[in-house]
Amino acid sequence: MADLNMTLDRVDAQNQVIGSIIRRDVFRTQANFRVVHVFVFNSRKELLLQKIATGLRHEGQWGSSAAGYLEKGEDFTAAAARKARSELGLPQLVFQHVGTTSMDDRGCRKFIGLFATVYDGPLTLNPADVCGLEFLSLADIEDARKTGSRTFTETFLHLLDYYTSSGIP
């Protein structure tokens, strides 16, 4: 379950650390913060989607393979490995840093580090975070987006556009 007492780095509009903040206070104080998202692809180039568990923000919506807040002092790469391990049971993998983007989130500026990896092994979902997993082709995800047959998180859609425009095959 979400740790609302987790301490995060508070960042300015240029993503520079200016202090710390408790996660539960981020939106109330409109503090800028950092998150990491991981796109896990299989060898068929299908993207693993995560259905967010009940009780969490965006529950029941589909999003990135793994995602979460960066802990105070943590870098994006370490957070990517931590979230992939805790949410999906992934072993230590090589993650490609796709880039860092940002977006508004309830009056805050959210800086998002996006990482990608390829993995065909077993997955062990953490039911506190995840209530479903499914690999889909990017074309099938775009179809679901257009038809509304699935509800995706706003951040995932932002990152999907960012990823597809990045030129990574």
Protein backbone atom coordinates (compact mmCIF):
# COMPACT_ATOMS: atom_id res chain seq x y z
CA MET A 1 0.00 0.00 0.00
CA ALA A 2 1.12 3.56 -0.59
CA ASP A 3 3.48 4.97 2.02
CA LEU A 4 2.08 8.44 2.60
CA ASN A 5 4.76 9.10 5.24
CA MET A 6 7.61 8.61 2.75
CA THR A 7 10.00 11.56 2.61
CA LEU A 8 10.55 12.96 -0.88
CA ASP A 9 12.85 15.55 -2.37
CA ARG A 10 11.00 18.79 -3.00
CA VAL A 11 12.22 20.33 -6.26
CA ASP A 12 11.94 23.69 -7.96
CA ALA A 13 10.61 24.41 -11.46
CA GLN A 14 13.98 23.31 -12.93
CA ASN A 15 13.98 19.98 -11.04
CA GLN A 16 16.64 21.07 -8.55
CA VAL A 17 16.31 19.88 -4.95
CA ILE A 18 15.24 22.69 -2.62
CA GLY A 19 14.24 20.68 0.44
CA SER A 20 12.18 17.70 1.49
CA ILE A 21 8.51 16.98 1.99
CA ILE A 22 6.33 14.17 3.31
CA ARG A 23 4.43 12.52 0.47
CA ARG A 24 0.98 13.10 2.00
CA ASP A 25 1.69 16.87 1.92
CA VAL A 26 2.73 17.14 -1.74
CA PHE A 27 -0.61 18.01 -3.30
CA ARG A 28 -1.90 20.02 -0.35
CA THR A 29 1.13 22.31 -0.54
CA GLN A 30 1.45 22.08 -4.34
CA ALA A 31 5.09 21.00 -4.07
CA ASN A 32 7.01 19.90 -7.15
CA PHE A 33 8.26 16.31 -6.95
CA ARG A 34 9.88 13.41 -8.82
CA VAL A 35 8.56 10.04 -9.92
CA VAL A 36 9.93 7.19 -11.99
CA HIS A 37 8.12 5.06 -14.56
CA VAL A 38 9.35 1.84 -16.13
CA PHE A 39 8.21 0.42 -19.46
CA VAL A 40 8.86 -3.34 -19.56
CA PHE A 41 8.73 -4.81 -23.06
CA ASN A 42 8.87 -8.47 -23.98
CA SER A 43 10.89 -9.81 -26.92
CA ARG A 44 7.80 -9.37 -29.14
CA LYS A 45 7.99 -5.61 -28.41
CA GLU A 46 4.74 -5.67 -26.43
CA LEU A 47 4.51 -3.30 -23.47
CA LEU A 48 3.54 -4.59 -20.04
CA LEU A 49 0.62 -2.60 -18.65
CA GLN A 50 -0.24 -2.52 -14.96
CA LYS A 51 -3.76 -2.21 -13.63
CA ILE A 52 -3.54 -0.14 -10.46
CA ALA A 53 -4.75 -1.80 -7.26
CA THR A 54 -7.82 -0.77 -5.29
CA GLY A 55 -7.24 1.94 -2.72
CA LEU A 56 -4.48 3.65 -4.66
CA ARG A 57 -4.61 6.88 -6.62
CA HIS A 58 -5.90 5.98 -10.11
CA GLU A 59 -7.24 2.62 -8.90
CA GLY A 60 -8.50 0.40 -11.69
CA GLN A 61 -6.78 2.43 -14.39
CA TRP A 62 -4.04 1.06 -16.61
CA GLY A 63 -0.58 2.55 -16.48
CA SER A 64 3.13 2.00 -16.82
CA SER A 65 4.65 -1.40 -16.05
CA ALA A 66 5.95 -0.01 -12.74
CA ALA A 67 5.96 3.47 -11.26
CA GLY A 68 6.44 5.39 -8.05
CA TYR A 69 7.81 8.33 -6.14
CA LEU A 70 11.53 8.81 -5.63
CA GLU A 71 12.59 8.66 -2.01
CA LYS A 72 14.61 11.54 -0.57
CA GLY A 73 18.14 11.42 -2.01
CA GLU A 74 17.30 8.59 -4.44
CA ASP A 75 18.21 8.90 -8.10
CA PHE A 76 15.94 7.91 -10.98
CA THR A 77 17.92 4.76 -11.89
CA ALA A 78 17.83 3.35 -8.35
CA ALA A 79 14.11 4.14 -8.10
CA ALA A 80 13.42 2.34 -11.40
CA ALA A 81 15.11 -0.82 -10.13
CA ARG A 82 13.36 -0.57 -6.73
CA LYS A 83 9.88 -0.15 -8.23
CA ALA A 84 10.36 -2.90 -10.85
CA ARG A 85 11.47 -5.28 -8.10
CA SER A 86 8.79 -4.33 -5.55
CA GLU A 87 5.82 -4.19 -7.94
CA LEU A 88 6.71 -6.93 -10.45
CA GLY A 89 9.37 -9.08 -8.77
CA LEU A 90 11.86 -8.32 -11.53
CA PRO A 91 15.49 -9.32 -11.00
CA GLN A 92 18.31 -6.81 -11.37
CA LEU A 93 18.05 -5.70 -15.01
CA VAL A 94 19.65 -3.12 -17.25
CA PHE A 95 17.31 -0.17 -17.65
CA GLN A 96 17.67 2.25 -20.54
CA HIS A 97 17.01 5.84 -19.52
CA VAL A 98 14.59 7.10 -22.17
CA GLY A 99 14.61 10.61 -20.70
CA THR A 100 13.04 12.93 -18.19
CA THR A 101 9.88 14.86 -18.88
CA SER A 102 7.45 16.81 -16.74
CA MET A 103 3.77 17.57 -16.50
CA ASP A 104 1.31 19.35 -14.25
CA ASP A 105 -0.35 17.18 -11.63
CA ARG A 106 -3.03 18.80 -9.44
CA GLY A 107 -1.17 22.13 -9.25
CA CYS A 108 2.28 20.57 -8.86
CA ARG A 109 5.05 20.06 -11.42
CA LYS A 110 5.84 16.35 -11.60
CA PHE A 111 9.25 15.40 -13.06
CA ILE A 112 9.15 11.91 -14.54
CA GLY A 113 12.17 9.76 -15.28
CA LEU A 114 11.22 7.16 -17.90
CA PHE A 115 13.16 3.90 -18.22
CA ALA A 116 12.69 0.91 -20.52
CA THR A 117 13.85 -2.67 -20.40
CA VAL A 118 13.18 -6.00 -22.11
CA TYR A 119 12.16 -8.98 -20.02
CA ASP A 120 10.54 -12.33 -20.83
CA GLY A 121 10.81 -14.03 -17.46
CA PRO A 122 8.28 -14.65 -14.71
CA LEU A 123 6.47 -11.78 -13.03
CA THR A 124 5.35 -11.66 -9.41
CA LEU A 125 2.90 -8.85 -8.93
CA ASN A 126 2.57 -7.11 -5.60
CA PRO A 127 -1.20 -7.08 -4.89
CA ALA A 128 -0.83 -3.94 -2.76
CA ASP A 129 0.18 -2.07 -5.93
CA VAL A 130 -1.08 -4.09 -8.88
CA CYS A 131 -4.37 -5.89 -9.60
CA GLY A 132 -3.64 -6.92 -13.17
CA LEU A 133 -0.89 -7.18 -15.77
CA GLU A 134 -1.07 -7.54 -19.52
CA PHE A 135 1.36 -7.26 -22.43
CA LEU A 136 -0.08 -5.34 -25.40
CA SER A 137 1.39 -4.06 -28.64
CA LEU A 138 1.75 -0.30 -28.96
CA ALA A 139 -0.83 -0.45 -31.77
CA ASP A 140 -3.33 -2.23 -29.50
CA ILE A 141 -2.72 0.35 -26.76
CA GLU A 142 -3.36 3.17 -29.24
CA ASP A 143 -6.58 1.45 -30.37
CA ALA A 144 -7.75 1.13 -26.75
CA ARG A 145 -6.89 4.78 -26.21
CA LYS A 146 -8.90 5.89 -29.24
CA THR A 147 -11.91 3.71 -28.53
CA GLY A 148 -11.91 4.26 -24.78
CA SER A 149 -12.03 0.51 -24.19
CA ARG A 150 -9.51 0.95 -21.35
CA THR A 151 -8.96 3.79 -18.94
CA PHE A 152 -5.33 4.86 -18.81
CA THR A 153 -3.69 7.20 -16.33
CA GLU A 154 -2.95 10.68 -17.61
CA THR A 155 0.74 10.19 -16.77
CA PHE A 156 0.93 6.95 -18.76
CA LEU A 157 -0.57 8.61 -21.83
CA HIS A 158 1.89 11.51 -21.47
CA LEU A 159 4.76 9.02 -21.26
CA LEU A 160 3.50 6.91 -24.13
CA ASP A 161 3.54 10.00 -26.36
CA TYR A 162 6.98 10.93 -25.01
CA TYR A 163 8.29 7.40 -25.66
CA THR A 164 6.92 7.12 -29.19
CA SER A 165 8.39 10.52 -30.09
CA SER A 166 11.80 9.59 -28.61
CA GLY A 167 12.79 7.56 -31.68
CA ILE A 168 13.66 4.47 -29.64
CA PRO A 169 12.78 1.39 -31.71
